[in-house]
C-alpha atoms as a PDB file:
ATOM      1  CA  UNK A   1      58.157   9.269 -10.390  1.00  0.00           C
ATOM      2  CA  UNK A   2      59.710  10.476  -7.022  1.00  0.00           C
ATOM      3  CA  UNK A   3      61.505   8.162  -4.706  1.00  0.00           C
ATOM      4  CA  UNK A   4      59.498   6.318  -1.842  1.00  0.00           C
ATOM      5  CA  UNK A   5      62.319   6.627   0.669  1.00  0.00           C
ATOM      6  CA  UNK A   6      61.672   8.542   3.861  1.00  0.00           C
ATOM      7  CA  UNK A   7      65.268   9.697   3.981  1.00  0.00           C
ATOM      8  CA  UNK A   8      68.139   9.688   1.556  1.00  0.00           C
ATOM      9  CA  UNK A   9      69.384   5.962   1.471  1.00  0.00           C
ATOM     10  CA  UNK A  10      73.154   5.646   2.486  1.00  0.00           C
ATOM     11  CA  UNK A  11      74.402   2.151   1.100  1.00  0.00           C
ATOM     12  CA  UNK A  12      77.600   2.300   3.350  1.00  0.00           C
ATOM     13  CA  UNK A  13      75.126   2.645   6.489  1.00  0.00           C
ATOM     14  CA  UNK A  14      72.860  -0.183   5.334  1.00  0.00           C
ATOM     15  CA  UNK A  15      75.988  -2.618   4.736  1.00  0.00           C
ATOM     16  CA  UNK A  16      77.146  -1.440   8.378  1.00  0.00           C
ATOM     17  CA  UNK A  17      73.736  -2.477   9.708  1.00  0.00           C
ATOM     18  CA  UNK A  18      74.211  -6.105   8.532  1.00  0.00           C
ATOM     19  CA  UNK A  19      77.707  -6.570  10.127  1.00  0.00           C
ATOM     20  CA  UNK A  20      78.042  -9.520  12.308  1.00  0.00           C
ATOM     21  CA  UNK A  21      74.603 -10.844  11.344  1.00  0.00           C
ATOM     22  CA  UNK A  22      73.363 -13.815   9.179  1.00  0.00           C
ATOM     23  CA  UNK A  23      73.688 -11.258   6.202  1.00  0.00           C
ATOM     24  CA  UNK A  24      77.223 -10.568   6.673  1.00  0.00           C
ATOM     25  CA  UNK A  25      78.057 -14.369   7.430  1.00  0.00           C
ATOM     26  CA  UNK A  26      76.561 -15.174   4.048  1.00  0.00           C
ATOM     27  CA  UNK A  27      78.430 -12.311   2.235  1.00  0.00           C
ATOM     28  CA  UNK A  28      75.338 -10.346   1.469  1.00  0.00           C
ATOM     29  CA  UNK A  29      76.006  -6.763   0.442  1.00  0.00           C
ATOM     30  CA  UNK A  30      73.707  -3.851  -0.685  1.00  0.00           C
ATOM     31  CA  UNK A  31      75.031  -2.304  -3.864  1.00  0.00           C
ATOM     32  CA  UNK A  32      72.472   0.177  -5.367  1.00  0.00           C
ATOM     33  CA  UNK A  33      69.267   1.957  -4.578  1.00  0.00           C
ATOM     34  CA  UNK A  34      66.971   3.137  -7.163  1.00  0.00           C
ATOM     35  CA  UNK A  35      63.618   5.283  -6.681  1.00  0.00           C
ATOM     36  CA  UNK A  36      61.677   2.213  -5.520  1.00  0.00           C
ATOM     37  CA  UNK A  37      64.134  -0.682  -5.366  1.00  0.00           C
ATOM     38  CA  UNK A  38      67.161  -1.955  -3.480  1.00  0.00           C
ATOM     39  CA  UNK A  39      69.901  -4.282  -5.219  1.00  0.00           C
ATOM     40  CA  UNK A  40      72.296  -6.493  -3.492  1.00  0.00           C
ATOM     41  CA  UNK A  41      74.724  -9.360  -4.070  1.00  0.00           C
ATOM     42  CA  UNK A  42      75.444 -12.750  -2.414  1.00  0.00           C
ATOM     43  CA  UNK A  43      78.135 -15.064  -3.247  1.00  0.00           C
ATOM     44  CA  UNK A  44      77.461 -18.594  -4.560  1.00  0.00           C
ATOM     45  CA  UNK A  45      80.254 -20.316  -2.482  1.00  0.00           C
ATOM     46  CA  UNK A  46      80.668 -22.667   0.577  1.00  0.00           C
ATOM     47  CA  UNK A  47      78.842 -20.126   2.871  1.00  0.00           C
ATOM     48  CA  UNK A  48      75.689 -20.421   0.801  1.00  0.00           C
ATOM     49  CA  UNK A  49      75.733 -23.837  -0.741  1.00  0.00           C
ATOM     50  CA  UNK A  50      73.786 -26.959   0.522  1.00  0.00           C
ATOM     51  CA  UNK A  51      75.706 -30.197   0.429  1.00  0.00           C
ATOM     52  CA  UNK A  52      75.176 -31.126  -3.092  1.00  0.00           C
ATOM     53  CA  UNK A  53      77.001 -28.045  -4.017  1.00  0.00           C
ATOM     54  CA  UNK A  54      74.049 -25.744  -5.034  1.00  0.00           C
ATOM     55  CA  UNK A  55      73.009 -22.405  -3.396  1.00  0.00           C
ATOM     56  CA  UNK A  56      70.682 -23.338  -0.604  1.00  0.00           C
ATOM     57  CA  UNK A  57      66.970 -22.618  -0.974  1.00  0.00           C
ATOM     58  CA  UNK A  58      67.265 -21.028   2.555  1.00  0.00           C
ATOM     59  CA  UNK A  59      70.037 -18.805   1.600  1.00  0.00           C
ATOM     60  CA  UNK A  60      68.069 -17.418  -1.417  1.00  0.00           C
ATOM     61  CA  UNK A  61      65.216 -16.782   1.013  1.00  0.00           C
ATOM     62  CA  UNK A  62      67.553 -14.924   3.589  1.00  0.00           C
ATOM     63  CA  UNK A  63      68.945 -12.927   0.848  1.00  0.00           C
ATOM     64  CA  UNK A  64      65.560 -12.194  -0.514  1.00  0.00           C
ATOM     65  CA  UNK A  65      64.252 -11.175   2.890  1.00  0.00           C
ATOM     66  CA  UNK A  66      67.288  -8.923   3.617  1.00  0.00           C
ATOM     67  CA  UNK A  67      66.710  -7.043   0.470  1.00  0.00           C
ATOM     68  CA  UNK A  68      63.013  -6.539   0.913  1.00  0.00           C
ATOM     69  CA  UNK A  69      63.514  -5.600   4.623  1.00  0.00           C
ATOM     70  CA  UNK A  70      66.117  -3.124   4.061  1.00  0.00           C
ATOM     71  CA  UNK A  71      63.825  -1.458   1.315  1.00  0.00           C
ATOM     72  CA  UNK A  72      60.616  -1.639   3.554  1.00  0.00           C
ATOM     73  CA  UNK A  73      62.434   0.130   6.307  1.00  0.00           C
ATOM     74  CA  UNK A  74      63.941   2.764   4.109  1.00  0.00           C
ATOM     75  CA  UNK A  75      60.182   3.728   3.195  1.00  0.00           C
ATOM     76  CA  UNK A  76      59.279   4.430   6.762  1.00  0.00           C
ATOM     77  CA  UNK A  77      60.071   7.128   9.475  1.00  0.00           C
ATOM     78  CA  UNK A  78      61.859   4.595  11.691  1.00  0.00           C
ATOM     79  CA  UNK A  79      61.533   7.031  14.611  1.00  0.00           C
ATOM     80  CA  UNK A  80      57.756   6.291  14.503  1.00  0.00           C
ATOM     81  CA  UNK A  81      57.484   2.857  12.793  1.00  0.00           C
ATOM     82  CA  UNK A  82      59.457  -0.214  11.524  1.00  0.00           C
ATOM     83  CA  UNK A  83      58.880  -3.098   9.171  1.00  0.00           C
ATOM     84  CA  UNK A  84      59.350  -6.714   9.948  1.00  0.00           C
ATOM     85  CA  UNK A  85      58.831  -9.830   7.919  1.00  0.00           C
ATOM     86  CA  UNK A  86      55.502 -11.358   7.919  1.00  0.00           C
ATOM     87  CA  UNK A  87      55.390 -13.878   5.247  1.00  0.00           C
ATOM     88  CA  UNK A  88      57.855 -14.863   2.649  1.00  0.00           C
ATOM     89  CA  UNK A  89      57.622 -17.486  -0.217  1.00  0.00           C
ATOM     90  CA  UNK A  90      60.161 -18.314  -2.830  1.00  0.00           C
ATOM     91  CA  UNK A  91      60.186 -20.170  -6.203  1.00  0.00           C
ATOM     92  CA  UNK A  92      63.707 -21.700  -6.816  1.00  0.00           C
ATOM     93  CA  UNK A  93      63.755 -21.815 -10.686  1.00  0.00           C
ATOM     94  CA  UNK A  94      67.554 -22.573 -11.434  1.00  0.00           C
ATOM     95  CA  UNK A  95      70.296 -24.094  -9.599  1.00  0.00           C
ATOM     96  CA  UNK A  96      73.391 -22.013  -9.027  1.00  0.00           C
ATOM     97  CA  UNK A  97      76.848 -23.637  -8.500  1.00  0.00           C
ATOM     98  CA  UNK A  98      79.183 -20.743  -8.637  1.00  0.00           C
ATOM     99  CA  UNK A  99      79.742 -17.060  -9.029  1.00  0.00           C
ATOM    100  CA  UNK A 100      77.693 -14.206  -7.468  1.00  0.00           C
ATOM    101  CA  UNK A 101      74.075 -13.922  -7.315  1.00  0.00           C
ATOM    102  CA  UNK A 102      72.378 -10.401  -7.746  1.00  0.00           C
ATOM    103  CA  UNK A 103      68.912  -9.547  -6.300  1.00  0.00           C
ATOM    104  CA  UNK A 104      66.534  -6.647  -6.780  1.00  0.00           C
ATOM    105  CA  UNK A 105      63.681  -5.886  -4.336  1.00  0.00           C
ATOM    106  CA  UNK A 106      60.763  -3.781  -5.941  1.00  0.00           C
ATOM    107  CA  UNK A 107      57.596  -2.363  -4.248  1.00  0.00           C
ATOM    108  CA  UNK A 108      54.409  -4.094  -5.197  1.00  0.00           C
ATOM    109  CA  UNK A 109      52.219  -2.523  -2.485  1.00  0.00           C
ATOM    110  CA  UNK A 110      52.848   0.264   0.092  1.00  0.00           C
ATOM    111  CA  UNK A 111      50.032   0.589   2.633  1.00  0.00           C
ATOM    112  CA  UNK A 112      49.708   1.885   6.124  1.00  0.00           C
ATOM    113  CA  UNK A 113      50.168  -1.331   8.077  1.00  0.00           C
ATOM    114  CA  UNK A 114      51.757  -3.584   5.296  1.00  0.00           C
ATOM    115  CA  UNK A 115      54.081  -3.686   2.466  1.00  0.00           C
ATOM    116  CA  UNK A 116      54.535  -6.215  -0.316  1.00  0.00           C
ATOM    117  CA  UNK A 117      57.858  -6.614  -2.076  1.00  0.00           C
ATOM    118  CA  UNK A 118      59.003  -8.828  -5.019  1.00  0.00           C
ATOM    119  CA  UNK A 119      62.592 -10.045  -4.997  1.00  0.00           C
ATOM    120  CA  UNK A 120      64.107 -11.453  -8.151  1.00  0.00           C
ATOM    121  CA  UNK A 121      67.426 -13.369  -7.834  1.00  0.00           C
ATOM    122  CA  UNK A 122      69.724 -13.702 -10.802  1.00  0.00           C
ATOM    123  CA  UNK A 123      72.854 -15.858 -11.350  1.00  0.00           C
ATOM    124  CA  UNK A 124      76.014 -14.580 -12.735  1.00  0.00           C
ATOM    125  CA  UNK A 125      74.751 -14.942 -16.482  1.00  0.00           C
ATOM    126  CA  UNK A 126      71.778 -12.751 -15.339  1.00  0.00           C
ATOM    127  CA  UNK A 127      69.296 -15.635 -15.665  1.00  0.00           C
ATOM    128  CA  UNK A 128      66.418 -15.724 -13.135  1.00  0.00           C
ATOM    129  CA  UNK A 129      67.162 -18.280 -10.452  1.00  0.00           C
ATOM    130  CA  UNK A 130      64.822 -17.485  -7.820  1.00  0.00           C
ATOM    131  CA  UNK A 131      61.763 -15.206  -7.427  1.00  0.00           C
ATOM    132  CA  UNK A 132      60.404 -14.290  -3.929  1.00  0.00           C
ATOM    133  CA  UNK A 133      57.381 -12.300  -2.534  1.00  0.00           C
ATOM    134  CA  UNK A 134      57.648 -10.877   0.987  1.00  0.00           C
ATOM    135  CA  UNK A 135      54.951  -9.322   3.031  1.00  0.00           C
ATOM    136  CA  UNK A 136      56.176  -6.846   5.802  1.00  0.00           C
ATOM    137  CA  UNK A 137      54.106  -5.779   8.705  1.00  0.00           C
ATOM    138  CA  UNK A 138      54.527  -2.072   9.749  1.00  0.00           C
ATOM    139  CA  UNK A 139      54.684  -1.657  13.172  1.00  0.00           C
ATOM    140  CA  UNK A 140      54.588   1.473  15.632  1.00  0.00           C
ATOM    141  CA  UNK A 141      57.578   2.080  17.711  1.00  0.00           C
ATOM    142  CA  UNK A 142      56.614   1.429  21.411  1.00  0.00           C
ATOM    143  CA  UNK A 143      56.203   4.543  23.257  1.00  0.00           C
ATOM    144  CA  UNK A 144      58.484   4.981  26.256  1.00  0.00           C
ATOM    145  CA  UNK A 145      56.763   5.451  29.506  1.00  0.00           C
END
């Protein structure tokens, strides 16, 4: 299978795009890119915890949407179109109190006007802690008049 990316992914550039955003404030990093998937990490620490000391469900969702959004936009010619989140859901399966989460976004559907991504998030023991599905709307870049 050949890669689905429009251009060759640059992990350093992807991480630069997240500087000074919610992503960098939570410590999210892109670590690998495969032919149809993007992998990243997020710490399980005070930046991502809810008051009882577990990773916050909203932090999981932000992590999942970050991975899926990065992947979705890699699959497009961003001079002509870009992808934005349209719907996301998440099932939180296992609480996480420490370590580092890893997540992988994989393509489920790649259409002309939408994409669907599945994001699986694992704890430090490689046990599934959250699974998410993200629908991305593909939007044409507005024409400059």
